[in-house]
C-alpha cells in the first residue's frame, strides 16, 4: 500500500465569442464577447493498493479552492436597440471537499486496459460528480 500526498495549481482562461440570438423577435439578444479566469488549488492524499495481480485501486481525498477573477458579468443588448445592460451571474469562489476512487486493470498480457473513475466536488449547496469508464485495447 502506498500513501501519496499531492498538490496542484491550475490557471484557467476561457473566452466566449459574441453571438446573436434569433427566433424570439423583439427579445432577441446580442451578447458581447466575454473572458473568464480562475485559479484552482488542490491538495490531498491518495492511498494506492494492488487488489489483484493486475488490478489497482486508488482512494483519495482532497481540498479544492477556486478563486474566480472575472467573468461573472455579461454585457448584452436587445437587437435593434441602442441601450445595453449587464447581467451579473453567480460564479463565486468556493472551497470544496473532493473524494475520489479509481480502479484500473491490465489484462491479456498488457493489451487490454480497463478503468473506472469517480471524482466528486462538494461544497455548501453545490456538487459535481464525475464518473468515467475507460477501455483500451492495444493491437
N, C-alpha and C. Protein backbone atom coordinates (compact mmCIF):
# COMPACT_ATOMS: atom_id res chain seq x y z
N UNK A 1 0.84 -1.17 0.00
CA UNK A 1 0.00 0.00 0.00
C UNK A 1 0.89 1.24 0.00
N UNK A 2 0.51 2.23 -0.83
CA UNK A 2 1.25 3.48 -0.93
C UNK A 2 0.37 4.64 -0.49
N UNK A 3 0.94 5.56 0.26
CA UNK A 3 0.29 6.80 0.65
C UNK A 3 0.96 7.93 -0.12
N UNK A 4 0.19 8.64 -0.97
CA UNK A 4 0.77 9.61 -1.90
C UNK A 4 0.13 10.98 -1.69
N UNK A 5 0.84 11.91 -1.04
CA UNK A 5 0.31 13.28 -0.94
C UNK A 5 0.57 14.04 -2.24
N UNK A 6 -0.28 15.03 -2.54
CA UNK A 6 -0.06 15.82 -3.76
C UNK A 6 -0.65 17.22 -3.60
N UNK A 7 -0.15 18.13 -4.41
CA UNK A 7 -0.72 19.46 -4.55
C UNK A 7 -0.74 19.81 -6.03
N UNK A 8 -1.66 20.66 -6.44
CA UNK A 8 -1.70 21.12 -7.82
C UNK A 8 -2.21 22.55 -7.87
N UNK A 9 -1.82 23.25 -8.91
CA UNK A 9 -2.24 24.62 -9.14
C UNK A 9 -2.55 24.76 -10.62
N UNK A 10 -3.77 25.17 -10.95
CA UNK A 10 -4.20 25.33 -12.34
C UNK A 10 -4.70 26.75 -12.56
N UNK A 11 -4.41 27.29 -13.74
CA UNK A 11 -4.96 28.58 -14.16
C UNK A 11 -5.82 28.31 -15.38
N UNK A 12 -7.07 28.77 -15.35
CA UNK A 12 -7.98 28.57 -16.46
C UNK A 12 -8.41 29.92 -17.02
N UNK A 13 -8.40 30.03 -18.35
CA UNK A 13 -8.85 31.22 -19.05
C UNK A 13 -9.79 30.77 -20.15
N UNK A 14 -10.98 31.34 -20.17
CA UNK A 14 -11.97 30.97 -21.20
C UNK A 14 -12.48 32.24 -21.87
N UNK A 15 -12.66 32.17 -23.17
CA UNK A 15 -13.20 33.29 -23.93
C UNK A 15 -14.45 32.82 -24.64
N UNK A 16 -15.51 33.60 -24.50
CA UNK A 16 -16.75 33.32 -25.22
C UNK A 16 -16.91 34.41 -26.27
N UNK A 17 -17.01 34.02 -27.53
CA UNK A 17 -17.20 34.98 -28.61
C UNK A 17 -18.57 35.61 -28.53
N UNK A 18 -18.72 36.79 -29.12
CA UNK A 18 -20.03 37.42 -29.17
C UNK A 18 -20.96 36.58 -30.03
N UNK A 19 -22.25 36.67 -29.74
CA UNK A 19 -23.23 35.94 -30.55
C UNK A 19 -24.54 36.70 -30.60
N UNK A 20 -25.37 36.31 -31.56
CA UNK A 20 -26.65 36.95 -31.79
C UNK A 20 -27.73 35.88 -31.70
N UNK A 21 -28.68 36.06 -30.78
CA UNK A 21 -29.81 35.15 -30.68
C UNK A 21 -30.83 35.49 -31.77
N UNK A 22 -31.59 34.50 -32.15
CA UNK A 22 -32.66 34.74 -33.12
C UNK A 22 -33.84 33.83 -32.81
N UNK A 23 -35.01 34.23 -33.31
CA UNK A 23 -36.20 33.42 -33.15
C UNK A 23 -37.15 33.90 -32.07
N UNK A 24 -36.74 34.91 -31.29
CA UNK A 24 -37.60 35.42 -30.22
C UNK A 24 -38.11 36.82 -30.53
N UNK A 25 -37.99 37.22 -31.78
CA UNK A 25 -38.48 38.52 -32.27
C UNK A 25 -37.93 39.69 -31.46
N UNK A 26 -38.81 40.38 -30.74
CA UNK A 26 -38.41 41.62 -30.06
C UNK A 26 -37.48 41.40 -28.87
N UNK A 27 -37.31 40.17 -28.43
CA UNK A 27 -36.41 39.95 -27.29
C UNK A 27 -35.15 39.17 -27.69
N UNK A 28 -34.84 39.16 -29.00
CA UNK A 28 -33.56 38.60 -29.44
C UNK A 28 -32.43 39.40 -28.80
N UNK A 29 -31.36 38.71 -28.41
CA UNK A 29 -30.24 39.38 -27.73
C UNK A 29 -28.98 39.36 -28.58
N UNK A 30 -28.22 40.42 -28.47
CA UNK A 30 -26.85 40.48 -28.99
C UNK A 30 -25.96 40.46 -27.75
N UNK A 31 -25.22 39.36 -27.55
CA UNK A 31 -24.39 39.18 -26.36
C UNK A 31 -22.95 39.44 -26.74
N UNK A 32 -22.29 40.33 -26.00
CA UNK A 32 -20.91 40.71 -26.29
C UNK A 32 -19.95 39.60 -25.84
N UNK A 33 -18.74 39.62 -26.39
CA UNK A 33 -17.73 38.63 -26.00
C UNK A 33 -17.36 38.80 -24.53
N UNK A 34 -16.84 37.75 -23.94
CA UNK A 34 -16.61 37.73 -22.51
C UNK A 34 -15.38 36.86 -22.19
N UNK A 35 -14.63 37.25 -21.20
CA UNK A 35 -13.50 36.47 -20.70
C UNK A 35 -13.78 36.04 -19.26
N UNK A 36 -13.38 34.83 -18.92
CA UNK A 36 -13.46 34.33 -17.55
C UNK A 36 -12.10 33.77 -17.19
N UNK A 37 -11.71 33.94 -15.92
CA UNK A 37 -10.45 33.34 -15.48
C UNK A 37 -10.59 32.85 -14.04
N UNK A 38 -9.77 31.86 -13.72
CA UNK A 38 -9.86 31.24 -12.41
C UNK A 38 -8.53 30.56 -12.09
N UNK A 39 -8.17 30.58 -10.82
CA UNK A 39 -7.07 29.75 -10.32
C UNK A 39 -7.69 28.69 -9.43
N UNK A 40 -7.28 27.45 -9.65
CA UNK A 40 -7.75 26.33 -8.82
C UNK A 40 -6.57 25.70 -8.12
N UNK A 41 -6.64 25.63 -6.79
CA UNK A 41 -5.60 25.00 -5.97
C UNK A 41 -6.19 23.75 -5.34
N UNK A 42 -5.40 22.68 -5.35
CA UNK A 42 -5.88 21.42 -4.78
C UNK A 42 -4.74 20.75 -4.01
N UNK A 43 -5.07 20.20 -2.87
CA UNK A 43 -4.10 19.44 -2.08
C UNK A 43 -4.81 18.29 -1.42
N UNK A 44 -4.15 17.14 -1.41
CA UNK A 44 -4.80 15.97 -0.81
C UNK A 44 -3.86 14.79 -0.72
N UNK A 45 -4.48 13.65 -0.56
CA UNK A 45 -3.71 12.41 -0.40
C UNK A 45 -4.45 11.27 -1.09
N UNK A 46 -3.68 10.36 -1.70
CA UNK A 46 -4.19 9.12 -2.28
C UNK A 46 -3.64 7.94 -1.50
N UNK A 47 -4.45 6.92 -1.38
CA UNK A 47 -3.99 5.63 -0.88
C UNK A 47 -4.13 4.67 -2.04
N UNK A 48 -3.02 4.06 -2.45
CA UNK A 48 -3.00 3.17 -3.62
C UNK A 48 -2.65 1.75 -3.15
N UNK A 49 -3.41 0.77 -3.66
CA UNK A 49 -3.20 -0.62 -3.24
C UNK A 49 -3.48 -1.55 -4.41
N UNK A 50 -2.59 -2.53 -4.63
CA UNK A 50 -2.87 -3.61 -5.58
C UNK A 50 -3.90 -4.52 -4.94
N UNK A 51 -5.00 -4.77 -5.65
CA UNK A 51 -6.03 -5.64 -5.09
C UNK A 51 -6.06 -7.01 -5.75
N UNK A 52 -5.50 -7.14 -6.93
CA UNK A 52 -5.27 -8.40 -7.62
C UNK A 52 -3.94 -8.24 -8.32
N UNK A 53 -3.38 -9.30 -8.89
CA UNK A 53 -2.07 -9.14 -9.54
C UNK A 53 -2.01 -8.05 -10.61
N UNK A 54 -3.09 -7.83 -11.35
CA UNK A 54 -3.07 -6.83 -12.43
C UNK A 54 -4.10 -5.73 -12.23
N UNK A 55 -4.59 -5.55 -11.00
CA UNK A 55 -5.63 -4.56 -10.72
C UNK A 55 -5.21 -3.70 -9.54
N UNK A 56 -5.43 -2.38 -9.68
CA UNK A 56 -5.03 -1.45 -8.65
C UNK A 56 -6.21 -0.55 -8.28
N UNK A 57 -6.35 -0.26 -6.99
CA UNK A 57 -7.37 0.66 -6.50
C UNK A 57 -6.68 1.86 -5.88
N UNK A 58 -7.30 3.02 -6.07
CA UNK A 58 -6.76 4.26 -5.52
C UNK A 58 -7.92 5.06 -4.93
N UNK A 59 -7.82 5.39 -3.67
CA UNK A 59 -8.84 6.17 -2.98
C UNK A 59 -8.19 7.48 -2.56
N UNK A 60 -8.89 8.59 -2.80
CA UNK A 60 -8.31 9.88 -2.48
C UNK A 60 -9.28 10.82 -1.81
N UNK A 61 -8.72 11.80 -1.12
CA UNK A 61 -9.49 12.87 -0.53
C UNK A 61 -8.65 14.13 -0.62
N UNK A 62 -9.28 15.21 -1.09
CA UNK A 62 -8.54 16.46 -1.23
C UNK A 62 -9.43 17.65 -0.90
N UNK A 63 -8.79 18.79 -0.71
CA UNK A 63 -9.47 20.07 -0.57
C UNK A 63 -9.14 20.88 -1.81
N UNK A 64 -10.16 21.52 -2.39
CA UNK A 64 -10.00 22.28 -3.62
C UNK A 64 -10.52 23.70 -3.37
N UNK A 65 -9.78 24.70 -3.83
CA UNK A 65 -10.26 26.08 -3.74
C UNK A 65 -10.22 26.71 -5.13
N UNK A 66 -11.36 27.26 -5.55
CA UNK A 66 -11.47 28.02 -6.79
C UNK A 66 -11.45 29.51 -6.45
N UNK A 67 -10.59 30.27 -7.10
CA UNK A 67 -10.55 31.73 -6.96
C UNK A 67 -10.88 32.30 -8.33
N UNK A 68 -12.06 32.87 -8.47
CA UNK A 68 -12.52 33.42 -9.75
C UNK A 68 -12.26 34.92 -9.78
N UNK A 69 -11.72 35.38 -10.91
CA UNK A 69 -11.33 36.78 -11.01
C UNK A 69 -12.25 37.62 -11.86
N UNK A 70 -12.78 37.08 -12.93
CA UNK A 70 -13.70 37.84 -13.76
C UNK A 70 -14.60 36.87 -14.50
N UNK A 71 -15.57 37.39 -15.22
CA UNK A 71 -16.46 36.55 -15.99
C UNK A 71 -17.85 36.43 -15.41
N UNK A 72 -18.12 37.09 -14.27
CA UNK A 72 -19.46 36.98 -13.69
C UNK A 72 -20.44 37.97 -14.32
N UNK A 73 -19.93 38.94 -15.09
CA UNK A 73 -20.81 39.93 -15.73
C UNK A 73 -20.86 39.68 -17.23
N UNK A 74 -22.05 39.78 -17.80
CA UNK A 74 -22.26 39.56 -19.23
C UNK A 74 -22.99 40.78 -19.80
N UNK A 75 -22.38 41.43 -20.80
CA UNK A 75 -22.97 42.61 -21.41
C UNK A 75 -23.80 42.21 -22.63
N UNK A 76 -25.02 42.74 -22.70
CA UNK A 76 -25.95 42.38 -23.77
C UNK A 76 -26.79 43.59 -24.16
N UNK A 77 -27.46 43.45 -25.28
CA UNK A 77 -28.47 44.43 -25.68
C UNK A 77 -29.50 43.73 -26.54
N UNK A 78 -30.71 44.25 -26.51
CA UNK A 78 -31.75 43.72 -27.38
C UNK A 78 -31.45 44.15 -28.81
N UNK A 79 -31.63 43.24 -29.76
CA UNK A 79 -31.36 43.52 -31.16
C UNK A 79 -32.26 44.66 -31.62
N UNK A 80 -31.67 45.64 -32.32
CA UNK A 80 -32.43 46.77 -32.85
C UNK A 80 -32.58 47.92 -31.87
N UNK A 81 -31.93 47.83 -30.70
CA UNK A 81 -31.99 48.92 -29.74
C UNK A 81 -30.59 49.49 -29.53
N UNK A 82 -30.52 50.68 -28.92
CA UNK A 82 -29.21 51.30 -28.70
C UNK A 82 -28.70 51.11 -27.29
N UNK A 83 -29.56 50.88 -26.32
CA UNK A 83 -29.13 50.71 -24.94
C UNK A 83 -28.64 49.29 -24.68
N UNK A 84 -27.76 49.15 -23.71
CA UNK A 84 -27.27 47.82 -23.33
C UNK A 84 -27.48 47.63 -21.84
N UNK A 85 -27.31 46.40 -21.38
CA UNK A 85 -27.45 46.10 -19.96
C UNK A 85 -26.45 45.02 -19.59
N UNK A 86 -26.20 44.90 -18.31
CA UNK A 86 -25.25 43.92 -17.79
C UNK A 86 -25.98 42.96 -16.87
N UNK A 87 -25.75 41.68 -17.07
CA UNK A 87 -26.31 40.64 -16.22
C UNK A 87 -25.17 40.09 -15.36
N UNK A 88 -25.41 40.04 -14.05
CA UNK A 88 -24.40 39.52 -13.13
C UNK A 88 -24.83 38.12 -12.71
N UNK A 89 -23.96 37.15 -12.97
CA UNK A 89 -24.27 35.76 -12.63
C UNK A 89 -23.59 35.33 -11.36
N UNK A 90 -23.90 34.14 -10.96
CA UNK A 90 -23.29 33.57 -9.77
C UNK A 90 -22.10 32.72 -10.16
N UNK A 91 -20.94 33.18 -9.85
CA UNK A 91 -19.73 32.38 -10.06
C UNK A 91 -18.79 32.64 -8.89
N UNK A 92 -19.23 32.27 -7.69
CA UNK A 92 -18.43 32.60 -6.52
C UNK A 92 -17.18 31.72 -6.39
N UNK A 93 -16.19 32.26 -5.69
CA UNK A 93 -15.06 31.43 -5.31
C UNK A 93 -15.56 30.45 -4.26
N UNK A 94 -15.06 29.22 -4.31
CA UNK A 94 -15.55 28.18 -3.40
C UNK A 94 -14.41 27.33 -2.88
N UNK A 95 -14.67 26.67 -1.76
CA UNK A 95 -13.78 25.63 -1.24
C UNK A 95 -14.60 24.34 -1.22
N UNK A 96 -14.03 23.29 -1.81
CA UNK A 96 -14.72 22.01 -1.95
C UNK A 96 -13.99 20.91 -1.18
N UNK A 97 -14.74 19.89 -0.80
CA UNK A 97 -14.17 18.60 -0.41
C UNK A 97 -14.30 17.71 -1.64
N UNK A 98 -13.24 16.95 -1.93
CA UNK A 98 -13.24 16.17 -3.17
C UNK A 98 -12.79 14.73 -2.92
N UNK A 99 -13.74 13.79 -2.78
CA UNK A 99 -13.38 12.38 -2.69
C UNK A 99 -13.19 11.80 -4.09
N UNK A 100 -12.38 10.75 -4.19
CA UNK A 100 -12.17 10.09 -5.49
C UNK A 100 -11.92 8.61 -5.30
N UNK A 101 -12.22 7.86 -6.34
CA UNK A 101 -11.97 6.42 -6.37
C UNK A 101 -11.62 6.04 -7.80
N UNK A 102 -10.52 5.32 -7.97
CA UNK A 102 -10.12 4.84 -9.29
C UNK A 102 -9.73 3.37 -9.18
N UNK A 103 -10.22 2.57 -10.09
CA UNK A 103 -9.83 1.16 -10.18
C UNK A 103 -9.37 0.91 -11.61
N UNK A 104 -8.17 0.40 -11.77
CA UNK A 104 -7.63 0.11 -13.11
C UNK A 104 -7.16 -1.34 -13.15
N UNK A 105 -7.25 -1.91 -14.33
CA UNK A 105 -6.80 -3.28 -14.52
C UNK A 105 -6.14 -3.44 -15.88
N UNK A 106 -5.13 -4.30 -15.93
CA UNK A 106 -4.44 -4.62 -17.17
C UNK A 106 -4.53 -6.13 -17.38
N UNK A 107 -4.99 -6.51 -18.57
CA UNK A 107 -5.26 -7.92 -18.84
C UNK A 107 -4.68 -8.32 -20.19
N UNK A 108 -4.75 -9.60 -20.50
CA UNK A 108 -4.28 -10.17 -21.77
C UNK A 108 -2.85 -9.73 -22.08
N UNK A 109 -1.99 -9.93 -21.12
CA UNK A 109 -0.56 -9.61 -21.24
C UNK A 109 -0.33 -8.15 -21.61
N UNK A 110 -1.14 -7.26 -21.04
CA UNK A 110 -0.96 -5.83 -21.24
C UNK A 110 -1.66 -5.24 -22.44
N UNK A 111 -2.38 -6.03 -23.20
CA UNK A 111 -3.04 -5.48 -24.39
C UNK A 111 -4.40 -4.84 -24.09
N UNK A 112 -5.03 -5.23 -22.99
CA UNK A 112 -6.33 -4.69 -22.62
C UNK A 112 -6.21 -3.96 -21.28
N UNK A 113 -6.62 -2.71 -21.27
CA UNK A 113 -6.61 -1.91 -20.05
C UNK A 113 -8.01 -1.39 -19.80
N UNK A 114 -8.48 -1.54 -18.56
CA UNK A 114 -9.80 -1.05 -18.20
C UNK A 114 -9.66 -0.13 -16.99
N UNK A 115 -10.58 0.81 -16.88
CA UNK A 115 -10.54 1.72 -15.75
C UNK A 115 -11.92 2.24 -15.40
N UNK A 116 -12.11 2.46 -14.13
CA UNK A 116 -13.32 3.05 -13.59
C UNK A 116 -12.87 4.18 -12.68
N UNK A 117 -13.46 5.36 -12.84
CA UNK A 117 -13.01 6.50 -12.06
C UNK A 117 -14.20 7.34 -11.60
N UNK A 118 -14.16 7.76 -10.34
CA UNK A 118 -15.16 8.64 -9.77
C UNK A 118 -14.45 9.80 -9.09
N UNK A 119 -14.96 11.02 -9.28
CA UNK A 119 -14.45 12.18 -8.56
C UNK A 119 -15.62 13.11 -8.26
N UNK A 120 -15.72 13.54 -7.02
CA UNK A 120 -16.78 14.44 -6.60
C UNK A 120 -16.21 15.76 -6.12
N UNK A 121 -16.99 16.82 -6.26
CA UNK A 121 -16.68 18.13 -5.69
C UNK A 121 -17.90 18.54 -4.88
N UNK A 122 -17.73 18.76 -3.59
CA UNK A 122 -18.86 19.06 -2.72
C UNK A 122 -18.58 20.33 -1.92
N UNK A 123 -19.52 21.26 -1.97
CA UNK A 123 -19.48 22.49 -1.18
C UNK A 123 -20.90 22.75 -0.70
N UNK A 124 -21.07 23.78 0.10
CA UNK A 124 -22.40 24.11 0.60
C UNK A 124 -23.33 24.44 -0.57
N UNK A 125 -24.43 23.71 -0.68
CA UNK A 125 -25.45 23.87 -1.74
C UNK A 125 -24.87 23.74 -3.15
N UNK A 126 -23.86 22.91 -3.31
CA UNK A 126 -23.23 22.74 -4.62
C UNK A 126 -22.56 21.38 -4.68
N UNK A 127 -22.70 20.69 -5.82
CA UNK A 127 -21.96 19.45 -6.01
C UNK A 127 -21.80 19.15 -7.49
N UNK A 128 -20.68 18.53 -7.80
CA UNK A 128 -20.42 17.99 -9.13
C UNK A 128 -19.89 16.58 -8.90
N UNK A 129 -20.42 15.61 -9.65
CA UNK A 129 -19.94 14.24 -9.55
C UNK A 129 -19.64 13.74 -10.96
N UNK A 130 -18.43 13.24 -11.14
CA UNK A 130 -17.99 12.73 -12.44
C UNK A 130 -17.70 11.24 -12.31
N UNK A 131 -18.17 10.49 -13.29
CA UNK A 131 -17.94 9.05 -13.35
C UNK A 131 -17.48 8.72 -14.76
N UNK A 132 -16.41 7.95 -14.88
CA UNK A 132 -15.96 7.55 -16.22
C UNK A 132 -15.54 6.10 -16.22
N UNK A 133 -15.73 5.47 -17.36
CA UNK A 133 -15.30 4.09 -17.59
C UNK A 133 -14.46 4.10 -18.86
N UNK A 134 -13.26 3.56 -18.79
CA UNK A 134 -12.34 3.54 -19.93
C UNK A 134 -11.96 2.11 -20.27
N UNK A 135 -11.93 1.83 -21.57
CA UNK A 135 -11.46 0.54 -22.08
C UNK A 135 -10.52 0.82 -23.24
N UNK A 136 -9.32 0.27 -23.18
CA UNK A 136 -8.35 0.46 -24.26
C UNK A 136 -7.76 -0.90 -24.64
N UNK A 137 -7.66 -1.13 -25.94
CA UNK A 137 -7.06 -2.36 -26.44
C UNK A 137 -5.91 -2.00 -27.39
N UNK A 138 -4.74 -2.49 -27.08
CA UNK A 138 -3.55 -2.23 -27.92
C UNK A 138 -3.38 -3.35 -28.92
N UNK A 139 -3.36 -3.00 -30.20
CA UNK A 139 -3.21 -4.00 -31.26
C UNK A 139 -1.74 -4.28 -31.53
